[in-house]
Amino acid sequence: MMSWTSNGVNLPAEDSPSKVFQQLFVNGTPSEVQRQLRELKRGRSILDTLNGETKKLNRELGQRDQDELKIEELAIIEKADFGEIARLLGLLKAAQKGDHTLLDQTIVMVGSNHGNANAHSTRDLPILVAGGGFKHGQHIIAGGSGNDNTRFANLFVQIAHRLDVGLDRFGSSTAKSVKGFGFI
């Protein structure tokens, strides 16, 4: 990870994602820190465990074998997934950097590759965007007609502009933003 001070001074790079994670998020009582460090040394997190279970369960659900037990299992996994997302957002919001939180200076995007997993549809993908100075707390329907995800591509252009990346087009984009999704 590369970063700079607010004056543009390059800070020493950290190549290890686990060390960056540890510096940002490992905290608590001494026993909690030790437990978290043990998990990091094993190279594992709750997301690793959930990822394997989610892949297994989605494969089973993709075969239209949706009995109540599998739906309940999916609900448990999704609840755990969103619990971890909420935890990450809480940690980013709690980390102060100057006059802003780390969440204010970070864009977190979470989504699914299916709008409807039963039909394997890539239309109306559920996407959550947090942080980055965007106006939040709203539901925006950004899909087009049919399988037109142009406005979804426009979101990537908007995020690139927010990050000062000189990108005018992405995939099938037709604009530089998604209507209704602005900045604070």
N, C-alpha and C. Protein backbone atom coordinates (compact mmCIF):
# COMPACT_ATOMS: atom_id res chain seq x y z
N MET A 1 0.85 -1.17 0.00
CA MET A 1 0.00 0.00 0.00
C MET A 1 0.90 1.23 0.00
N MET A 2 0.57 2.16 -0.86
CA MET A 2 1.33 3.40 -0.91
C MET A 2 0.44 4.52 -0.40
N SER A 3 1.04 5.44 0.34
CA SER A 3 0.27 6.58 0.82
C SER A 3 1.18 7.78 0.98
N TRP A 4 0.53 8.93 1.07
CA TRP A 4 1.24 10.18 1.18
C TRP A 4 0.63 11.01 2.30
N THR A 5 1.42 11.90 2.86
CA THR A 5 0.89 12.82 3.86
C THR A 5 0.08 13.89 3.14
N SER A 6 -0.63 14.71 3.89
CA SER A 6 -1.43 15.77 3.28
C SER A 6 -0.55 16.79 2.56
N ASN A 7 0.74 16.80 2.87
CA ASN A 7 1.68 17.70 2.19
C ASN A 7 2.33 17.06 0.97
N GLY A 8 1.94 15.81 0.65
CA GLY A 8 2.46 15.14 -0.52
C GLY A 8 3.75 14.37 -0.31
N VAL A 9 4.15 14.16 0.96
CA VAL A 9 5.37 13.41 1.25
C VAL A 9 5.03 11.92 1.19
N ASN A 10 5.79 11.17 0.40
CA ASN A 10 5.58 9.75 0.24
C ASN A 10 5.96 9.02 1.53
N LEU A 11 5.03 8.22 2.05
CA LEU A 11 5.28 7.43 3.25
C LEU A 11 5.83 6.07 2.84
N PRO A 12 6.58 5.39 3.71
CA PRO A 12 7.12 4.08 3.35
C PRO A 12 6.01 3.12 2.94
N ALA A 13 6.23 2.39 1.86
CA ALA A 13 5.23 1.46 1.34
C ALA A 13 5.15 0.22 2.23
N GLU A 14 3.96 -0.33 2.32
CA GLU A 14 3.74 -1.59 3.03
C GLU A 14 3.14 -2.56 2.02
N ASP A 15 3.85 -3.64 1.72
CA ASP A 15 3.41 -4.59 0.71
C ASP A 15 2.52 -5.69 1.26
N SER A 16 2.47 -5.85 2.55
CA SER A 16 1.72 -6.94 3.15
C SER A 16 0.31 -6.48 3.54
N PRO A 17 -0.73 -7.00 2.85
CA PRO A 17 -2.10 -6.62 3.21
C PRO A 17 -2.43 -6.94 4.67
N SER A 18 -1.88 -8.05 5.18
CA SER A 18 -2.20 -8.40 6.57
C SER A 18 -1.58 -7.39 7.54
N LYS A 19 -0.39 -6.87 7.22
CA LYS A 19 0.22 -5.86 8.09
C LYS A 19 -0.57 -4.55 8.04
N VAL A 20 -1.05 -4.18 6.84
CA VAL A 20 -1.87 -2.97 6.73
C VAL A 20 -3.14 -3.15 7.54
N PHE A 21 -3.78 -4.31 7.38
CA PHE A 21 -5.00 -4.59 8.14
C PHE A 21 -4.72 -4.52 9.64
N GLN A 22 -3.60 -5.13 10.06
CA GLN A 22 -3.24 -5.13 11.48
C GLN A 22 -3.06 -3.72 12.00
N GLN A 23 -2.36 -2.88 11.24
CA GLN A 23 -2.12 -1.51 11.68
C GLN A 23 -3.42 -0.72 11.79
N LEU A 24 -4.35 -0.99 10.89
CA LEU A 24 -5.59 -0.22 10.88
C LEU A 24 -6.64 -0.74 11.86
N PHE A 25 -6.72 -2.08 12.00
CA PHE A 25 -7.91 -2.62 12.65
C PHE A 25 -7.71 -3.56 13.83
N VAL A 26 -6.50 -4.03 14.09
CA VAL A 26 -6.32 -4.96 15.22
C VAL A 26 -6.22 -4.13 16.49
N ASN A 27 -7.21 -4.30 17.34
CA ASN A 27 -7.22 -3.56 18.60
C ASN A 27 -8.07 -4.32 19.61
N GLY A 28 -8.15 -3.81 20.79
CA GLY A 28 -8.92 -4.45 21.86
C GLY A 28 -8.05 -4.76 23.05
N THR A 29 -8.56 -5.65 23.89
CA THR A 29 -7.79 -6.07 25.06
C THR A 29 -6.60 -6.89 24.58
N PRO A 30 -5.58 -7.06 25.44
CA PRO A 30 -4.42 -7.86 25.02
C PRO A 30 -4.80 -9.26 24.53
N SER A 31 -5.77 -9.90 25.16
CA SER A 31 -6.16 -11.24 24.72
C SER A 31 -6.88 -11.19 23.37
N GLU A 32 -7.68 -10.15 23.14
CA GLU A 32 -8.36 -10.00 21.85
C GLU A 32 -7.34 -9.75 20.73
N VAL A 33 -6.35 -8.91 21.02
CA VAL A 33 -5.32 -8.62 20.03
C VAL A 33 -4.56 -9.90 19.69
N GLN A 34 -4.19 -10.68 20.70
CA GLN A 34 -3.47 -11.92 20.47
C GLN A 34 -4.29 -12.91 19.64
N ARG A 35 -5.60 -13.01 19.90
CA ARG A 35 -6.48 -13.89 19.13
C ARG A 35 -6.54 -13.43 17.68
N GLN A 36 -6.70 -12.12 17.48
CA GLN A 36 -6.76 -11.58 16.12
C GLN A 36 -5.44 -11.81 15.38
N LEU A 37 -4.32 -11.63 16.07
CA LEU A 37 -3.01 -11.85 15.44
C LEU A 37 -2.80 -13.31 15.07
N ARG A 38 -3.28 -14.24 15.95
CA ARG A 38 -3.18 -15.67 15.62
C ARG A 38 -3.94 -15.97 14.32
N GLU A 39 -5.13 -15.43 14.19
CA GLU A 39 -5.92 -15.64 12.97
C GLU A 39 -5.23 -15.05 11.76
N LEU A 40 -4.66 -13.86 11.91
CA LEU A 40 -3.94 -13.24 10.79
C LEU A 40 -2.72 -14.07 10.39
N LYS A 41 -1.99 -14.60 11.40
CA LYS A 41 -0.81 -15.42 11.10
C LYS A 41 -1.20 -16.68 10.36
N ARG A 42 -2.38 -17.20 10.66
CA ARG A 42 -2.89 -18.36 9.93
C ARG A 42 -3.35 -17.95 8.53
N GLY A 43 -3.36 -16.63 8.30
CA GLY A 43 -3.78 -16.14 7.00
C GLY A 43 -5.28 -16.23 6.80
N ARG A 44 -6.03 -16.22 7.90
CA ARG A 44 -7.47 -16.44 7.80
C ARG A 44 -8.23 -15.31 8.47
N SER A 45 -9.42 -15.12 8.00
CA SER A 45 -10.37 -14.22 8.63
C SER A 45 -11.74 -14.86 8.50
N ILE A 46 -12.74 -14.26 9.10
CA ILE A 46 -14.10 -14.78 8.98
C ILE A 46 -14.53 -14.76 7.51
N LEU A 47 -14.02 -13.80 6.74
CA LEU A 47 -14.39 -13.71 5.33
C LEU A 47 -13.88 -14.92 4.55
N ASP A 48 -12.71 -15.46 4.92
CA ASP A 48 -12.19 -16.66 4.25
C ASP A 48 -13.13 -17.83 4.45
N THR A 49 -13.58 -18.02 5.68
CA THR A 49 -14.49 -19.11 5.99
C THR A 49 -15.81 -18.92 5.25
N LEU A 50 -16.34 -17.71 5.31
CA LEU A 50 -17.62 -17.43 4.66
C LEU A 50 -17.52 -17.57 3.15
N ASN A 51 -16.39 -17.21 2.56
CA ASN A 51 -16.23 -17.30 1.12
C ASN A 51 -16.40 -18.74 0.64
N GLY A 52 -15.76 -19.67 1.32
CA GLY A 52 -15.89 -21.08 0.95
C GLY A 52 -17.31 -21.59 1.09
N GLU A 53 -17.94 -21.23 2.19
CA GLU A 53 -19.33 -21.66 2.41
C GLU A 53 -20.27 -21.03 1.41
N THR A 54 -20.05 -19.76 1.08
CA THR A 54 -20.91 -19.06 0.12
C THR A 54 -20.80 -19.69 -1.26
N LYS A 55 -19.59 -20.01 -1.70
CA LYS A 55 -19.41 -20.64 -3.01
C LYS A 55 -20.13 -21.98 -3.05
N LYS A 56 -19.99 -22.77 -2.00
CA LYS A 56 -20.64 -24.08 -1.95
C LYS A 56 -22.16 -23.92 -1.99
N LEU A 57 -22.68 -23.00 -1.20
CA LEU A 57 -24.12 -22.82 -1.12
C LEU A 57 -24.68 -22.24 -2.42
N ASN A 58 -24.00 -21.22 -3.02
CA ASN A 58 -24.50 -20.66 -4.29
C ASN A 58 -24.52 -21.70 -5.38
N ARG A 59 -23.52 -22.60 -5.40
CA ARG A 59 -23.50 -23.67 -6.40
C ARG A 59 -24.73 -24.54 -6.24
N GLU A 60 -25.06 -24.88 -5.00
CA GLU A 60 -26.22 -25.72 -4.75
C GLU A 60 -27.51 -24.99 -5.12
N LEU A 61 -27.61 -23.70 -4.77
CA LEU A 61 -28.81 -22.94 -5.09
C LEU A 61 -28.94 -22.69 -6.58
N GLY A 62 -27.83 -22.58 -7.28
CA GLY A 62 -27.87 -22.36 -8.72
C GLY A 62 -28.49 -23.53 -9.46
N GLN A 63 -28.56 -24.68 -8.86
CA GLN A 63 -29.14 -25.87 -9.47
C GLN A 63 -30.62 -26.01 -9.13
N ARG A 64 -31.24 -24.93 -8.71
CA ARG A 64 -32.68 -24.89 -8.39
C ARG A 64 -33.09 -25.88 -7.30
N ASP A 65 -32.16 -26.15 -6.42
CA ASP A 65 -32.44 -27.08 -5.32
C ASP A 65 -32.65 -26.26 -4.06
N GLN A 66 -33.71 -25.43 -4.09
CA GLN A 66 -33.89 -24.44 -3.03
C GLN A 66 -34.89 -24.91 -1.97
N ASP A 67 -34.51 -25.84 -1.19
CA ASP A 67 -35.40 -26.19 -0.09
C ASP A 67 -35.20 -25.19 1.06
N GLU A 68 -36.07 -25.24 2.01
CA GLU A 68 -36.04 -24.27 3.10
C GLU A 68 -34.72 -24.26 3.86
N LEU A 69 -34.11 -25.41 4.04
CA LEU A 69 -32.85 -25.47 4.78
C LEU A 69 -31.76 -24.65 4.09
N LYS A 70 -31.66 -24.76 2.77
CA LYS A 70 -30.63 -24.02 2.05
C LYS A 70 -30.89 -22.52 2.10
N ILE A 71 -32.15 -22.13 2.04
CA ILE A 71 -32.49 -20.72 2.13
C ILE A 71 -32.13 -20.19 3.52
N GLU A 72 -32.38 -20.98 4.55
CA GLU A 72 -32.00 -20.58 5.91
C GLU A 72 -30.48 -20.47 6.03
N GLU A 73 -29.75 -21.41 5.42
CA GLU A 73 -28.28 -21.35 5.45
C GLU A 73 -27.79 -20.10 4.74
N LEU A 74 -28.39 -19.78 3.59
CA LEU A 74 -28.01 -18.58 2.86
C LEU A 74 -28.26 -17.33 3.70
N ALA A 75 -29.37 -17.30 4.41
CA ALA A 75 -29.68 -16.15 5.27
C ALA A 75 -28.62 -16.00 6.37
N ILE A 76 -28.17 -17.11 6.93
CA ILE A 76 -27.13 -17.06 7.97
C ILE A 76 -25.83 -16.51 7.40
N ILE A 77 -25.46 -16.99 6.22
CA ILE A 77 -24.23 -16.54 5.59
C ILE A 77 -24.32 -15.06 5.23
N GLU A 78 -25.46 -14.65 4.64
CA GLU A 78 -25.61 -13.24 4.28
C GLU A 78 -25.58 -12.34 5.51
N LYS A 79 -26.20 -12.80 6.59
CA LYS A 79 -26.18 -12.01 7.83
C LYS A 79 -24.74 -11.86 8.33
N ALA A 80 -23.96 -12.94 8.28
CA ALA A 80 -22.56 -12.87 8.70
C ALA A 80 -21.75 -11.98 7.76
N ASP A 81 -22.00 -12.10 6.45
CA ASP A 81 -21.30 -11.25 5.48
C ASP A 81 -21.55 -9.78 5.78
N PHE A 82 -22.82 -9.42 5.93
CA PHE A 82 -23.14 -8.02 6.16
C PHE A 82 -22.72 -7.56 7.56
N GLY A 83 -22.63 -8.49 8.50
CA GLY A 83 -22.08 -8.14 9.81
C GLY A 83 -20.62 -7.74 9.69
N GLU A 84 -19.86 -8.47 8.86
CA GLU A 84 -18.44 -8.13 8.65
C GLU A 84 -18.30 -6.83 7.88
N ILE A 85 -19.18 -6.60 6.91
CA ILE A 85 -19.16 -5.34 6.17
C ILE A 85 -19.44 -4.19 7.12
N ALA A 86 -20.45 -4.36 7.97
CA ALA A 86 -20.78 -3.31 8.95
C ALA A 86 -19.62 -3.08 9.90
N ARG A 87 -18.95 -4.16 10.30
CA ARG A 87 -17.79 -4.04 11.19
C ARG A 87 -16.68 -3.24 10.50
N LEU A 88 -16.39 -3.57 9.24
CA LEU A 88 -15.37 -2.84 8.49
C LEU A 88 -15.73 -1.36 8.39
N LEU A 89 -16.98 -1.06 8.04
CA LEU A 89 -17.39 0.34 7.91
C LEU A 89 -17.30 1.05 9.25
N GLY A 90 -17.65 0.36 10.34
CA GLY A 90 -17.54 0.96 11.67
C GLY A 90 -16.10 1.27 12.04
N LEU A 91 -15.18 0.35 11.71
CA LEU A 91 -13.77 0.59 11.99
C LEU A 91 -13.23 1.75 11.16
N LEU A 92 -13.63 1.82 9.89
CA LEU A 92 -13.19 2.94 9.05
C LEU A 92 -13.75 4.25 9.56
N LYS A 93 -15.00 4.24 10.02
CA LYS A 93 -15.63 5.45 10.53
C LYS A 93 -14.99 5.90 11.85
N ALA A 94 -14.52 4.95 12.64
CA ALA A 94 -13.93 5.28 13.94
C ALA A 94 -12.48 5.77 13.82
N ALA A 95 -11.83 5.46 12.70
CA ALA A 95 -10.43 5.85 12.51
C ALA A 95 -10.38 7.29 11.99
N GLN A 96 -9.90 8.19 12.82
CA GLN A 96 -9.83 9.61 12.47
C GLN A 96 -8.52 9.91 11.77
N LYS A 97 -8.58 10.64 10.69
CA LYS A 97 -7.37 11.07 9.97
C LYS A 97 -7.54 12.55 9.65
N GLY A 98 -6.90 13.38 10.46
CA GLY A 98 -7.07 14.82 10.30
C GLY A 98 -8.49 15.22 10.68
N ASP A 99 -9.12 16.00 9.82
CA ASP A 99 -10.48 16.47 10.07
C ASP A 99 -11.54 15.48 9.61
N HIS A 100 -11.13 14.35 9.05
CA HIS A 100 -12.08 13.40 8.48
C HIS A 100 -11.84 12.00 9.02
N THR A 101 -12.82 11.15 8.85
CA THR A 101 -12.63 9.75 9.19
C THR A 101 -12.01 9.04 8.00
N LEU A 102 -11.48 7.86 8.25
CA LEU A 102 -10.92 7.07 7.16
C LEU A 102 -12.02 6.66 6.19
N LEU A 103 -13.24 6.48 6.69
CA LEU A 103 -14.37 6.16 5.81
C LEU A 103 -14.65 7.30 4.84
N ASP A 104 -14.52 8.54 5.31
CA ASP A 104 -14.73 9.70 4.43
C ASP A 104 -13.73 9.69 3.27
N GLN A 105 -12.56 9.10 3.49
CA GLN A 105 -11.48 9.13 2.49
C GLN A 105 -11.34 7.80 1.76
N THR A 106 -12.30 6.90 1.95
CA THR A 106 -12.25 5.57 1.35
C THR A 106 -13.59 5.30 0.67
N ILE A 107 -13.56 4.67 -0.49
CA ILE A 107 -14.79 4.24 -1.15
C ILE A 107 -14.86 2.73 -1.03
N VAL A 108 -15.92 2.24 -0.40
CA VAL A 108 -16.15 0.81 -0.25
C VAL A 108 -17.35 0.45 -1.12
N MET A 109 -17.15 -0.50 -2.03
CA MET A 109 -18.24 -0.94 -2.89
C MET A 109 -18.41 -2.44 -2.73
N VAL A 110 -19.63 -2.86 -2.42
CA VAL A 110 -19.94 -4.26 -2.21
C VAL A 110 -21.12 -4.59 -3.12
N GLY A 111 -21.06 -5.74 -3.77
CA GLY A 111 -22.16 -6.09 -4.65
C GLY A 111 -22.22 -7.58 -4.92
N SER A 112 -23.12 -7.93 -5.79
CA SER A 112 -23.32 -9.30 -6.20
C SER A 112 -23.21 -9.38 -7.71
N ASN A 113 -22.85 -10.54 -8.22
CA ASN A 113 -22.75 -10.71 -9.66
C ASN A 113 -24.07 -11.15 -10.28
N HIS A 114 -25.12 -11.25 -9.46
CA HIS A 114 -26.45 -11.61 -9.96
C HIS A 114 -27.51 -10.71 -9.35
N GLY A 115 -28.38 -10.19 -10.19
CA GLY A 115 -29.56 -9.48 -9.69
C GLY A 115 -30.62 -10.48 -9.26
N ASN A 116 -30.66 -11.62 -9.94
CA ASN A 116 -31.57 -12.72 -9.62
C ASN A 116 -30.78 -14.00 -9.82
N ALA A 117 -30.35 -14.62 -8.74
CA ALA A 117 -29.49 -15.80 -8.83
C ALA A 117 -30.21 -16.98 -9.48
N ASN A 118 -31.51 -17.10 -9.27
CA ASN A 118 -32.24 -18.22 -9.87
C ASN A 118 -32.18 -18.19 -11.39
N ALA A 119 -32.27 -16.99 -11.95
CA ALA A 119 -32.26 -16.84 -13.40
C ALA A 119 -30.86 -16.52 -13.92
N HIS A 120 -29.89 -16.46 -13.04
CA HIS A 120 -28.51 -16.08 -13.39
C HIS A 120 -28.51 -14.75 -14.15
N SER A 121 -29.34 -13.83 -13.70
CA SER A 121 -29.50 -12.54 -14.34
C SER A 121 -28.45 -11.55 -13.86
N THR A 122 -27.88 -10.82 -14.80
CA THR A 122 -26.92 -9.77 -14.45
C THR A 122 -27.59 -8.40 -14.50
N ARG A 123 -28.90 -8.36 -14.48
CA ARG A 123 -29.66 -7.12 -14.50
C ARG A 123 -30.03 -6.74 -13.07
N ASP A 124 -30.09 -5.46 -12.80
CA ASP A 124 -30.49 -4.95 -11.48
C ASP A 124 -29.60 -5.51 -10.37
N LEU A 125 -28.30 -5.37 -10.55
CA LEU A 125 -27.35 -5.86 -9.56
C LEU A 125 -27.45 -5.04 -8.28
N PRO A 126 -27.52 -5.70 -7.12
CA PRO A 126 -27.53 -4.95 -5.87
C PRO A 126 -26.12 -4.48 -5.52
N ILE A 127 -25.94 -3.18 -5.40
CA ILE A 127 -24.63 -2.60 -5.13
C ILE A 127 -24.75 -1.66 -3.94
N LEU A 128 -23.84 -1.78 -3.00
CA LEU A 128 -23.77 -0.88 -1.86
C LEU A 128 -22.48 -0.08 -1.98
N VAL A 129 -22.60 1.24 -1.91
CA VAL A 129 -21.42 2.11 -1.94
C VAL A 129 -21.40 2.90 -0.65
N ALA A 130 -20.27 2.88 0.05
CA ALA A 130 -20.15 3.59 1.32
C ALA A 130 -18.89 4.44 1.30
N GLY A 131 -18.94 5.54 2.05
CA GLY A 131 -17.76 6.40 2.20
C GLY A 131 -17.51 7.27 1.00
N GLY A 132 -16.29 7.80 0.93
CA GLY A 132 -15.83 8.56 -0.21
C GLY A 132 -16.46 9.92 -0.41
N GLY A 133 -17.20 10.39 0.57
CA GLY A 133 -17.82 11.71 0.44
C GLY A 133 -19.07 11.72 -0.41
N PHE A 134 -19.60 10.54 -0.75
CA PHE A 134 -20.84 10.47 -1.51
C PHE A 134 -22.04 10.70 -0.59
N LYS A 135 -23.13 11.14 -1.16
CA LYS A 135 -24.39 11.29 -0.42
C LYS A 135 -24.98 9.89 -0.27
N HIS A 136 -25.21 9.47 0.97
CA HIS A 136 -25.68 8.11 1.24
C HIS A 136 -27.09 8.13 1.83
N GLY A 137 -27.55 6.95 2.21
CA GLY A 137 -28.86 6.83 2.84
C GLY A 137 -29.99 6.89 1.83
N GLN A 138 -29.75 6.40 0.64
CA GLN A 138 -30.78 6.43 -0.39
C GLN A 138 -30.72 5.17 -1.24
N HIS A 139 -31.82 4.87 -1.90
CA HIS A 139 -31.90 3.74 -2.81
C HIS A 139 -32.07 4.31 -4.21
N ILE A 140 -31.14 4.00 -5.08
CA ILE A 140 -31.17 4.53 -6.44
C ILE A 140 -31.33 3.36 -7.40
N ILE A 141 -32.35 3.45 -8.24
CA ILE A 141 -32.53 2.44 -9.27
C ILE A 141 -31.77 2.95 -10.49
N ALA A 142 -30.66 2.28 -10.79
CA ALA A 142 -29.76 2.79 -11.83
C ALA A 142 -29.75 1.91 -13.08
N GLY A 143 -30.56 0.87 -13.12
CA GLY A 143 -30.55 -0.02 -14.28
C GLY A 143 -31.30 0.55 -15.46
N GLY A 144 -30.98 0.04 -16.64
CA GLY A 144 -31.68 0.44 -17.86
C GLY A 144 -32.71 -0.61 -18.20
N SER A 145 -33.11 -0.66 -19.46
CA SER A 145 -34.09 -1.66 -19.88
C SER A 145 -33.38 -2.91 -20.37
N GLY A 146 -34.07 -4.04 -20.29
CA GLY A 146 -33.46 -5.31 -20.71
C GLY A 146 -32.24 -5.61 -19.88
N ASN A 147 -31.16 -5.99 -20.54
CA ASN A 147 -29.91 -6.27 -19.83
C ASN A 147 -28.94 -5.10 -19.91
N ASP A 148 -29.47 -3.91 -20.09
CA ASP A 148 -28.65 -2.71 -20.21
C ASP A 148 -28.17 -2.27 -18.83
N ASN A 149 -26.90 -2.44 -18.59
CA ASN A 149 -26.30 -2.01 -17.32
C ASN A 149 -25.43 -0.77 -17.52
N THR A 150 -25.79 0.05 -18.51
CA THR A 150 -25.00 1.25 -18.83
C THR A 150 -24.82 2.14 -17.61
N ARG A 151 -25.91 2.35 -16.88
CA ARG A 151 -25.80 3.26 -15.73
C ARG A 151 -24.92 2.68 -14.64
N PHE A 152 -24.83 1.36 -14.59
CA PHE A 152 -23.90 0.73 -13.65
C PHE A 152 -22.47 1.07 -14.07
N ALA A 153 -22.19 1.03 -15.36
CA ALA A 153 -20.86 1.41 -15.86
C ALA A 153 -20.59 2.88 -15.57
N ASN A 154 -21.63 3.71 -15.61
CA ASN A 154 -21.47 5.13 -15.28
C ASN A 154 -20.99 5.31 -13.84
N LEU A 155 -21.40 4.41 -12.93
CA LEU A 155 -20.97 4.48 -11.53
C LEU A 155 -19.45 4.36 -11.43
N PHE A 156 -18.87 3.46 -12.23
CA PHE A 156 -17.41 3.30 -12.20
C PHE A 156 -16.71 4.57 -12.68
N VAL A 157 -17.28 5.24 -13.67
CA VAL A 157 -16.70 6.50 -14.14
C VAL A 157 -16.79 7.54 -13.02
N GLN A 158 -17.94 7.59 -12.34
CA GLN A 158 -18.13 8.55 -11.24
C GLN A 158 -17.13 8.29 -10.11
N ILE A 159 -16.94 7.04 -9.76
CA ILE A 159 -15.97 6.69 -8.71
C ILE A 159 -14.56 7.06 -9.16
N ALA A 160 -14.21 6.78 -10.40
CA ALA A 160 -12.89 7.13 -10.92
C ALA A 160 -12.65 8.64 -10.83
N HIS A 161 -13.67 9.43 -11.15
CA HIS A 161 -13.53 10.89 -11.05
C HIS A 161 -13.33 11.31 -9.60
N ARG A 162 -14.05 10.65 -8.69
CA ARG A 162 -13.90 10.98 -7.26
C ARG A 162 -12.48 10.69 -6.78
N LEU A 163 -11.85 9.68 -7.39
CA LEU A 163 -10.48 9.30 -7.04
C LEU A 163 -9.43 10.05 -7.87
N ASP A 164 -9.87 11.04 -8.63
CA ASP A 164 -9.00 11.82 -9.51
C ASP A 164 -8.28 10.95 -10.54
N VAL A 165 -8.97 9.92 -11.02
CA VAL A 165 -8.44 9.08 -12.09
C VAL A 165 -9.04 9.62 -13.39
N GLY A 166 -8.21 9.96 -14.34
CA GLY A 166 -8.68 10.54 -15.60
C GLY A 166 -9.35 9.51 -16.48
N LEU A 167 -10.59 9.17 -16.17
CA LEU A 167 -11.32 8.15 -16.92
C LEU A 167 -12.64 8.76 -17.39
N ASP A 168 -12.84 8.82 -18.70
CA ASP A 168 -14.06 9.40 -19.24
C ASP A 168 -15.08 8.34 -19.63
N ARG A 169 -14.63 7.11 -19.84
CA ARG A 169 -15.53 6.01 -20.21
C ARG A 169 -15.11 4.74 -19.48
N PHE A 170 -16.10 3.89 -19.23
CA PHE A 170 -15.83 2.56 -18.68
C PHE A 170 -16.86 1.62 -19.28
N GLY A 171 -16.41 0.64 -20.03
CA GLY A 171 -17.34 -0.31 -20.64
C GLY A 171 -18.38 0.40 -21.48
N SER A 172 -19.65 0.20 -21.14
CA SER A 172 -20.76 0.77 -21.92
C SER A 172 -21.25 2.10 -21.36
N SER A 173 -20.44 2.78 -20.56
CA SER A 173 -20.88 4.03 -19.94
C SER A 173 -21.24 5.08 -20.98
N THR A 174 -22.20 5.92 -20.61
CA THR A 174 -22.64 7.01 -21.48
C THR A 174 -22.59 8.36 -20.77
N ALA A 175 -22.24 8.33 -19.48
CA ALA A 175 -22.20 9.56 -18.69
C ALA A 175 -21.10 9.43 -17.65
N LYS A 176 -20.87 10.54 -16.94
CA LYS A 176 -19.81 10.56 -15.93
C LYS A 176 -20.36 10.38 -14.52
N SER A 177 -21.66 10.12 -14.40
CA SER A 177 -22.24 9.91 -13.07
C SER A 177 -23.57 9.20 -13.18
N VAL A 178 -24.07 8.76 -12.03
CA VAL A 178 -25.39 8.16 -11.93
C VAL A 178 -26.32 9.22 -11.38
N LYS A 179 -27.42 9.46 -12.06
CA LYS A 179 -28.37 10.49 -11.64
C LYS A 179 -28.84 10.22 -10.21
N GLY A 180 -28.75 11.25 -9.38
CA GLY A 180 -29.20 11.14 -7.99
C GLY A 180 -28.13 10.72 -7.00
N PHE A 181 -26.97 10.28 -7.53
CA PHE A 181 -25.89 9.83 -6.65
C PHE A 181 -24.78 10.86 -6.68
N GLY A 182 -24.84 11.81 -5.77
CA GLY A 182 -23.89 12.91 -5.77
C GLY A 182 -23.02 12.90 -4.53
N PHE A 183 -22.37 14.02 -4.34
CA PHE A 183 -21.45 14.20 -3.22
C PHE A 183 -22.12 15.00 -2.12
N ILE A 184 -21.60 14.84 -0.91
CA ILE A 184 -22.12 15.58 0.24
C ILE A 184 -21.84 17.06 0.04
